[in-house]
Amino acid sequence: MAGCATFGSVDAIDLLLPALGLALFLEGLPWFVSPGGVRKTMTRIATLDDAPLRLLGLTMMSAGLLIAWWAVG
């Protein structure tokens, strides 16, 4: 694809679409397997302060970037 970023010999779009599909699958899996459990967890999360949630978000983003960097090479 012209003008698309590349990683080695792989276009970014060739990585983005499968990654998006996998993310949607993984996000939907708990809702399918245990909707009640997800509801309980969301209720507990809603009571937490912002600091632990920000730390969790930062940790997850960092892990995601490291995994993506490792996977690309």
PDB file of N, CA and C in Angstrom:
ATOM      1  N   MET A   1       0.864  -1.175   0.000  1.00  0.00           N
ATOM      2  CA  MET A   1       0.000   0.000   0.000  1.00  0.00           C
ATOM      3  C   MET A   1       0.907   1.234   0.000  1.00  0.00           C
ATOM      4  N   ALA A   2       0.699   2.127  -0.921  1.00  0.00           N
ATOM      5  CA  ALA A   2       1.536   3.309  -1.047  1.00  0.00           C
ATOM      6  C   ALA A   2       1.351   4.235   0.150  1.00  0.00           C
ATOM      7  N   GLY A   3       2.450   4.733   0.676  1.00  0.00           N
ATOM      8  CA  GLY A   3       2.400   5.678   1.776  1.00  0.00           C
ATOM      9  C   GLY A   3       2.162   5.038   3.132  1.00  0.00           C
ATOM     10  N   CYS A   4       2.099   3.729   3.186  1.00  0.00           N
ATOM     11  CA  CYS A   4       1.848   3.022   4.443  1.00  0.00           C
ATOM     12  C   CYS A   4       3.186   2.714   5.104  1.00  0.00           C
ATOM     13  N   ALA A   5       3.246   2.862   6.419  1.00  0.00           N
ATOM     14  CA  ALA A   5       4.475   2.546   7.145  1.00  0.00           C
ATOM     15  C   ALA A   5       4.770   1.054   7.010  1.00  0.00           C
ATOM     16  N   THR A   6       6.055   0.727   6.964  1.00  0.00           N
ATOM     17  CA  THR A   6       6.427  -0.679   6.867  1.00  0.00           C
ATOM     18  C   THR A   6       7.331  -1.061   8.029  1.00  0.00           C
ATOM     19  N   PHE A   7       7.259  -2.310   8.410  1.00  0.00           N
ATOM     20  CA  PHE A   7       8.120  -2.896   9.433  1.00  0.00           C
ATOM     21  C   PHE A   7       8.830  -4.055   8.763  1.00  0.00           C
ATOM     22  N   GLY A   8      10.073  -3.828   8.341  1.00  0.00           N
ATOM     23  CA  GLY A   8      10.766  -4.841   7.561  1.00  0.00           C
ATOM     24  C   GLY A   8      10.085  -4.950   6.212  1.00  0.00           C
ATOM     25  N   SER A   9       9.554  -6.114   5.909  1.00  0.00           N
ATOM     26  CA  SER A   9       8.851  -6.304   4.636  1.00  0.00           C
ATOM     27  C   SER A   9       7.336  -6.369   4.838  1.00  0.00           C
ATOM     28  N   VAL A  10       6.852  -5.973   6.019  1.00  0.00           N
ATOM     29  CA  VAL A  10       5.428  -6.068   6.335  1.00  0.00           C
ATOM     30  C   VAL A  10       4.832  -4.674   6.419  1.00  0.00           C
ATOM     31  N   ASP A  11       3.723  -4.444   5.693  1.00  0.00           N
ATOM     32  CA  ASP A  11       3.028  -3.159   5.787  1.00  0.00           C
ATOM     33  C   ASP A  11       2.317  -3.064   7.130  1.00  0.00           C
ATOM     34  N   ALA A  12       2.202  -1.838   7.639  1.00  0.00           N
ATOM     35  CA  ALA A  12       1.546  -1.618   8.927  1.00  0.00           C
ATOM     36  C   ALA A  12       0.111  -2.125   8.919  1.00  0.00           C
ATOM     37  N   ILE A  13      -0.593  -1.960   7.814  1.00  0.00           N
ATOM     38  CA  ILE A  13      -1.989  -2.389   7.738  1.00  0.00           C
ATOM     39  C   ILE A  13      -2.088  -3.908   7.847  1.00  0.00           C
ATOM     40  N   ASP A  14      -1.055  -4.620   7.367  1.00  0.00           N
ATOM     41  CA  ASP A  14      -1.040  -6.079   7.475  1.00  0.00           C
ATOM     42  C   ASP A  14      -0.885  -6.525   8.923  1.00  0.00           C
ATOM     43  N   LEU A  15      -0.353  -5.673   9.765  1.00  0.00           N
ATOM     44  CA  LEU A  15      -0.239  -5.961  11.189  1.00  0.00           C
ATOM     45  C   LEU A  15      -1.438  -5.424  11.967  1.00  0.00           C
ATOM     46  N   LEU A  16      -1.945  -4.283  11.543  1.00  0.00           N
ATOM     47  CA  LEU A  16      -3.008  -3.606  12.285  1.00  0.00           C
ATOM     48  C   LEU A  16      -4.318  -4.393  12.277  1.00  0.00           C
ATOM     49  N   LEU A  17      -4.731  -4.870  11.135  1.00  0.00           N
ATOM     50  CA  LEU A  17      -6.024  -5.558  11.056  1.00  0.00           C
ATOM     51  C   LEU A  17      -6.061  -6.853  11.870  1.00  0.00           C
ATOM     52  N   PRO A  18      -5.053  -7.719  11.763  1.00  0.00           N
ATOM     53  CA  PRO A  18      -5.082  -8.909  12.626  1.00  0.00           C
ATOM     54  C   PRO A  18      -4.987  -8.545  14.112  1.00  0.00           C
ATOM     55  N   ALA A  19      -4.209  -7.526  14.444  1.00  0.00           N
ATOM     56  CA  ALA A  19      -4.101  -7.107  15.844  1.00  0.00           C
ATOM     57  C   ALA A  19      -5.433  -6.572  16.356  1.00  0.00           C
ATOM     58  N   LEU A  20      -6.126  -5.815  15.537  1.00  0.00           N
ATOM     59  CA  LEU A  20      -7.439  -5.296  15.918  1.00  0.00           C
ATOM     60  C   LEU A  20      -8.431  -6.444  16.099  1.00  0.00           C
ATOM     61  N   GLY A  21      -8.416  -7.398  15.190  1.00  0.00           N
ATOM     62  CA  GLY A  21      -9.292  -8.557  15.306  1.00  0.00           C
ATOM     63  C   GLY A  21      -9.021  -9.348  16.576  1.00  0.00           C
ATOM     64  N   LEU A  22      -7.751  -9.550  16.882  1.00  0.00           N
ATOM     65  CA  LEU A  22      -7.391 -10.280  18.100  1.00  0.00           C
ATOM     66  C   LEU A  22      -7.812  -9.504  19.344  1.00  0.00           C
ATOM     67  N   ALA A  23      -7.604  -8.186  19.333  1.00  0.00           N
ATOM     68  CA  ALA A  23      -8.008  -7.355  20.476  1.00  0.00           C
ATOM     69  C   ALA A  23      -9.521  -7.434  20.694  1.00  0.00           C
ATOM     70  N   LEU A  24     -10.298  -7.355  19.631  1.00  0.00           N
ATOM     71  CA  LEU A  24     -11.755  -7.448  19.761  1.00  0.00           C
ATOM     72  C   LEU A  24     -12.179  -8.822  20.276  1.00  0.00           C
ATOM     73  N   PHE A  25     -11.532  -9.860  19.786  1.00  0.00           N
ATOM     74  CA  PHE A  25     -11.834 -11.203  20.260  1.00  0.00           C
ATOM     75  C   PHE A  25     -11.546 -11.323  21.756  1.00  0.00           C
ATOM     76  N   LEU A  26     -10.363 -10.873  22.174  1.00  0.00           N
ATOM     77  CA  LEU A  26      -9.979 -10.979  23.584  1.00  0.00           C
ATOM     78  C   LEU A  26     -10.841 -10.097  24.481  1.00  0.00           C
ATOM     79  N   GLU A  27     -11.252  -8.940  23.982  1.00  0.00           N
ATOM     80  CA  GLU A  27     -12.133  -8.067  24.767  1.00  0.00           C
ATOM     81  C   GLU A  27     -13.524  -8.672  24.909  1.00  0.00           C
ATOM     82  N   GLY A  28     -13.999  -9.379  23.902  1.00  0.00           N
ATOM     83  CA  GLY A  28     -15.332  -9.951  23.946  1.00  0.00           C
ATOM     84  C   GLY A  28     -15.419 -11.272  24.685  1.00  0.00           C
ATOM     85  N   LEU A  29     -14.303 -11.976  24.804  1.00  0.00           N
ATOM     86  CA  LEU A  29     -14.286 -13.300  25.417  1.00  0.00           C
ATOM     87  C   LEU A  29     -14.839 -13.321  26.844  1.00  0.00           C
ATOM     88  N   PRO A  30     -14.394 -12.441  27.747  1.00  0.00           N
ATOM     89  CA  PRO A  30     -14.954 -12.483  29.109  1.00  0.00           C
ATOM     90  C   PRO A  30     -16.446 -12.192  29.140  1.00  0.00           C
ATOM     91  N   TRP A  31     -16.915 -11.306  28.270  1.00  0.00           N
ATOM     92  CA  TRP A  31     -18.344 -10.988  28.228  1.00  0.00           C
ATOM     93  C   TRP A  31     -19.156 -12.198  27.783  1.00  0.00           C
ATOM     94  N   PHE A  32     -18.603 -13.009  26.904  1.00  0.00           N
ATOM     95  CA  PHE A  32     -19.291 -14.204  26.440  1.00  0.00           C
ATOM     96  C   PHE A  32     -19.248 -15.306  27.496  1.00  0.00           C
ATOM     97  N   VAL A  33     -18.081 -15.508  28.114  1.00  0.00           N
ATOM     98  CA  VAL A  33     -17.881 -16.603  29.059  1.00  0.00           C
ATOM     99  C   VAL A  33     -18.586 -16.345  30.392  1.00  0.00           C
ATOM    100  N   SER A  34     -18.486 -15.117  30.918  1.00  0.00           N
ATOM    101  CA  SER A  34     -19.037 -14.834  32.244  1.00  0.00           C
ATOM    102  C   SER A  34     -19.520 -13.388  32.348  1.00  0.00           C
ATOM    103  N   PRO A  35     -20.660 -13.068  31.762  1.00  0.00           N
ATOM    104  CA  PRO A  35     -21.144 -11.690  31.822  1.00  0.00           C
ATOM    105  C   PRO A  35     -21.370 -11.207  33.258  1.00  0.00           C
ATOM    106  N   GLY A  36     -21.830 -12.099  34.136  1.00  0.00           N
ATOM    107  CA  GLY A  36     -22.046 -11.712  35.531  1.00  0.00           C
ATOM    108  C   GLY A  36     -20.736 -11.383  36.234  1.00  0.00           C
ATOM    109  N   GLY A  37     -19.713 -12.180  35.956  1.00  0.00           N
ATOM    110  CA  GLY A  37     -18.392 -11.928  36.538  1.00  0.00           C
ATOM    111  C   GLY A  37     -17.811 -10.599  36.070  1.00  0.00           C
ATOM    112  N   VAL A  38     -18.024 -10.295  34.802  1.00  0.00           N
ATOM    113  CA  VAL A  38     -17.536  -9.020  34.266  1.00  0.00           C
ATOM    114  C   VAL A  38     -18.273  -7.867  34.935  1.00  0.00           C
ATOM    115  N   ARG A  39     -19.577  -8.005  35.121  1.00  0.00           N
ATOM    116  CA  ARG A  39     -20.363  -6.959  35.788  1.00  0.00           C
ATOM    117  C   ARG A  39     -19.850  -6.711  37.205  1.00  0.00           C
ATOM    118  N   LYS A  40     -19.589  -7.801  37.938  1.00  0.00           N
ATOM    119  CA  LYS A  40     -19.066  -7.670  39.312  1.00  0.00           C
ATOM    120  C   LYS A  40     -17.713  -6.961  39.311  1.00  0.00           C
ATOM    121  N   THR A  41     -16.847  -7.387  38.392  1.00  0.00           N
ATOM    122  CA  THR A  41     -15.515  -6.783  38.301  1.00  0.00           C
ATOM    123  C   THR A  41     -15.604  -5.303  37.955  1.00  0.00           C
ATOM    124  N   MET A  42     -16.478  -4.952  37.027  1.00  0.00           N
ATOM    125  CA  MET A  42     -16.640  -3.546  36.645  1.00  0.00           C
ATOM    126  C   MET A  42     -17.157  -2.719  37.822  1.00  0.00           C
ATOM    127  N   THR A  43     -18.041  -3.300  38.631  1.00  0.00           N
ATOM    128  CA  THR A  43     -18.551  -2.601  39.806  1.00  0.00           C
ATOM    129  C   THR A  43     -17.422  -2.336  40.795  1.00  0.00           C
ATOM    130  N   ARG A  44     -16.555  -3.319  40.994  1.00  0.00           N
ATOM    131  CA  ARG A  44     -15.402  -3.139  41.898  1.00  0.00           C
ATOM    132  C   ARG A  44     -14.431  -2.104  41.347  1.00  0.00           C
ATOM    133  N   ILE A  45     -14.178  -2.157  40.053  1.00  0.00           N
ATOM    134  CA  ILE A  45     -13.256  -1.205  39.430  1.00  0.00           C
ATOM    135  C   ILE A  45     -13.780   0.221  39.574  1.00  0.00           C
ATOM    136  N   ALA A  46     -15.097   0.380  39.475  1.00  0.00           N
ATOM    137  CA  ALA A  46     -15.701   1.723  39.571  1.00  0.00           C
ATOM    138  C   ALA A  46     -15.460   2.363  40.932  1.00  0.00           C
ATOM    139  N   THR A  47     -15.171   1.558  41.951  1.00  0.00           N
ATOM    140  CA  THR A  47     -14.944   2.113  43.290  1.00  0.00           C
ATOM    141  C   THR A  47     -13.484   2.475  43.544  1.00  0.00           C
ATOM    142  N   LEU A  48     -12.581   2.096  42.647  1.00  0.00           N
ATOM    143  CA  LEU A  48     -11.154   2.384  42.846  1.00  0.00           C
ATOM    144  C   LEU A  48     -10.840   3.852  42.577  1.00  0.00           C
ATOM    145  N   ASP A  49      -9.789   4.335  43.217  1.00  0.00           N
ATOM    146  CA  ASP A  49      -9.297   5.685  42.938  1.00  0.00           C
ATOM    147  C   ASP A  49      -8.646   5.712  41.558  1.00  0.00           C
ATOM    148  N   ASP A  50      -8.352   6.916  41.069  1.00  0.00           N
ATOM    149  CA  ASP A  50      -7.752   7.058  39.739  1.00  0.00           C
ATOM    150  C   ASP A  50      -6.321   6.528  39.670  1.00  0.00           C
ATOM    151  N   ALA A  51      -5.535   6.693  40.724  1.00  0.00           N
ATOM    152  CA  ALA A  51      -4.111   6.331  40.685  1.00  0.00           C
ATOM    153  C   ALA A  51      -3.882   4.856  40.329  1.00  0.00           C
ATOM    154  N   PRO A  52      -4.537   3.906  40.998  1.00  0.00           N
ATOM    155  CA  PRO A  52      -4.288   2.511  40.605  1.00  0.00           C
ATOM    156  C   PRO A  52      -4.773   2.187  39.194  1.00  0.00           C
ATOM    157  N   LEU A  53      -5.836   2.842  38.764  1.00  0.00           N
ATOM    158  CA  LEU A  53      -6.321   2.613  37.403  1.00  0.00           C
ATOM    159  C   LEU A  53      -5.336   3.149  36.367  1.00  0.00           C
ATOM    160  N   ARG A  54      -4.763   4.322  36.648  1.00  0.00           N
ATOM    161  CA  ARG A  54      -3.750   4.879  35.737  1.00  0.00           C
ATOM    162  C   ARG A  54      -2.520   3.975  35.683  1.00  0.00           C
ATOM    163  N   LEU A  55      -2.108   3.454  36.845  1.00  0.00           N
ATOM    164  CA  LEU A  55      -0.956   2.556  36.881  1.00  0.00           C
ATOM    165  C   LEU A  55      -1.243   1.281  36.095  1.00  0.00           C
ATOM    166  N   LEU A  56      -2.436   0.746  36.252  1.00  0.00           N
ATOM    167  CA  LEU A  56      -2.826  -0.437  35.492  1.00  0.00           C
ATOM    168  C   LEU A  56      -2.824  -0.134  33.994  1.00  0.00           C
ATOM    169  N   GLY A  57      -3.378   1.008  33.608  1.00  0.00           N
ATOM    170  CA  GLY A  57      -3.389   1.397  32.201  1.00  0.00           C
ATOM    171  C   GLY A  57      -1.992   1.557  31.639  1.00  0.00           C
ATOM    172  N   LEU A  58      -1.113   2.212  32.392  1.00  0.00           N
ATOM    173  CA  LEU A  58       0.271   2.397  31.954  1.00  0.00           C
ATOM    174  C   LEU A  58       0.979   1.054  31.815  1.00  0.00           C
ATOM    175  N   THR A  59       0.752   0.169  32.776  1.00  0.00           N
ATOM    176  CA  THR A  59       1.370  -1.157  32.731  1.00  0.00           C
ATOM    177  C   THR A  59       0.897  -1.934  31.506  1.00  0.00           C
ATOM    178  N   MET A  60      -0.399  -1.887  31.242  1.00  0.00           N
ATOM    179  CA  MET A  60      -0.937  -2.618  30.090  1.00  0.00           C
ATOM    180  C   MET A  60      -0.444  -2.030  28.770  1.00  0.00           C
ATOM    181  N   MET A  61      -0.383  -0.701  28.674  1.00  0.00           N
ATOM    182  CA  MET A  61       0.124  -0.080  27.447  1.00  0.00           C
ATOM    183  C   MET A  61       1.589  -0.441  27.230  1.00  0.00           C
ATOM    184  N   SER A  62       2.374  -0.402  28.301  1.00  0.00           N
ATOM    185  CA  SER A  62       3.797  -0.737  28.201  1.00  0.00           C
ATOM    186  C   SER A  62       3.982  -2.190  27.773  1.00  0.00           C
ATOM    187  N   ALA A  63       3.223  -3.085  28.386  1.00  0.00           N
ATOM    188  CA  ALA A  63       3.315  -4.500  28.016  1.00  0.00           C
ATOM    189  C   ALA A  63       2.914  -4.694  26.555  1.00  0.00           C
ATOM    190  N   GLY A  64       1.861  -4.014  26.128  1.00  0.00           N
ATOM    191  CA  GLY A  64       1.428  -4.124  24.743  1.00  0.00           C
ATOM    192  C   GLY A  64       2.480  -3.645  23.761  1.00  0.00           C
ATOM    193  N   LEU A  65       3.102  -2.517  24.081  1.00  0.00           N
ATOM    194  CA  LEU A  65       4.163  -2.009  23.204  1.00  0.00           C
ATOM    195  C   LEU A  65       5.361  -2.947  23.170  1.00  0.00           C
ATOM    196  N   LEU A  66       5.733  -3.484  24.320  1.00  0.00           N
ATOM    197  CA  LEU A  66       6.858  -4.421  24.355  1.00  0.00           C
ATOM    198  C   LEU A  66       6.555  -5.686  23.552  1.00  0.00           C
ATOM    199  N   ILE A  67       5.357  -6.199  23.677  1.00  0.00           N
ATOM    200  CA  ILE A  67       4.976  -7.389  22.918  1.00  0.00           C
ATOM    201  C   ILE A  67       4.974  -7.090  21.419  1.00  0.00           C
ATOM    202  N   ALA A  68       4.418  -5.944  21.031  1.00  0.00           N
ATOM    203  CA  ALA A  68       4.398  -5.564  19.613  1.00  0.00           C
ATOM    204  C   ALA A  68       5.816  -5.384  19.086  1.00  0.00           C
ATOM    205  N   TRP A  69       6.677  -4.738  19.861  1.00  0.00           N
ATOM    206  CA  TRP A  69       8.070  -4.523  19.448  1.00  0.00           C
ATOM    207  C   TRP A  69       8.788  -5.853  19.299  1.00  0.00           C
ATOM    208  N   TRP A  70       8.560  -6.758  20.252  1.00  0.00           N
ATOM    209  CA  TRP A  70       9.188  -8.067  20.202  1.00  0.00           C
ATOM    210  C   TRP A  70       8.679  -8.871  19.003  1.00  0.00           C
ATOM    211  N   ALA A  71       7.374  -8.804  18.745  1.00  0.00           N
ATOM    212  CA  ALA A  71       6.783  -9.587  17.663  1.00  0.00           C
ATOM    213  C   ALA A  71       7.249  -9.112  16.291  1.00  0.00           C
ATOM    214  N   VAL A  72       7.439  -7.800  16.135  1.00  0.00           N
ATOM    215  CA  VAL A  72       7.855  -7.259  14.853  1.00  0.00           C
ATOM    216  C   VAL A  72       9.328  -7.547  14.587  1.00  0.00           C
ATOM    217  N   GLY A  73      10.092  -7.608  15.634  1.00  0.00           N
ATOM    218  CA  GLY A  73      11.451  -8.017  15.394  1.00  0.00           C
ATOM    219  C   GLY A  73      12.465  -7.138  15.946  1.00  0.00           C
TER     220      GLY A  73
END
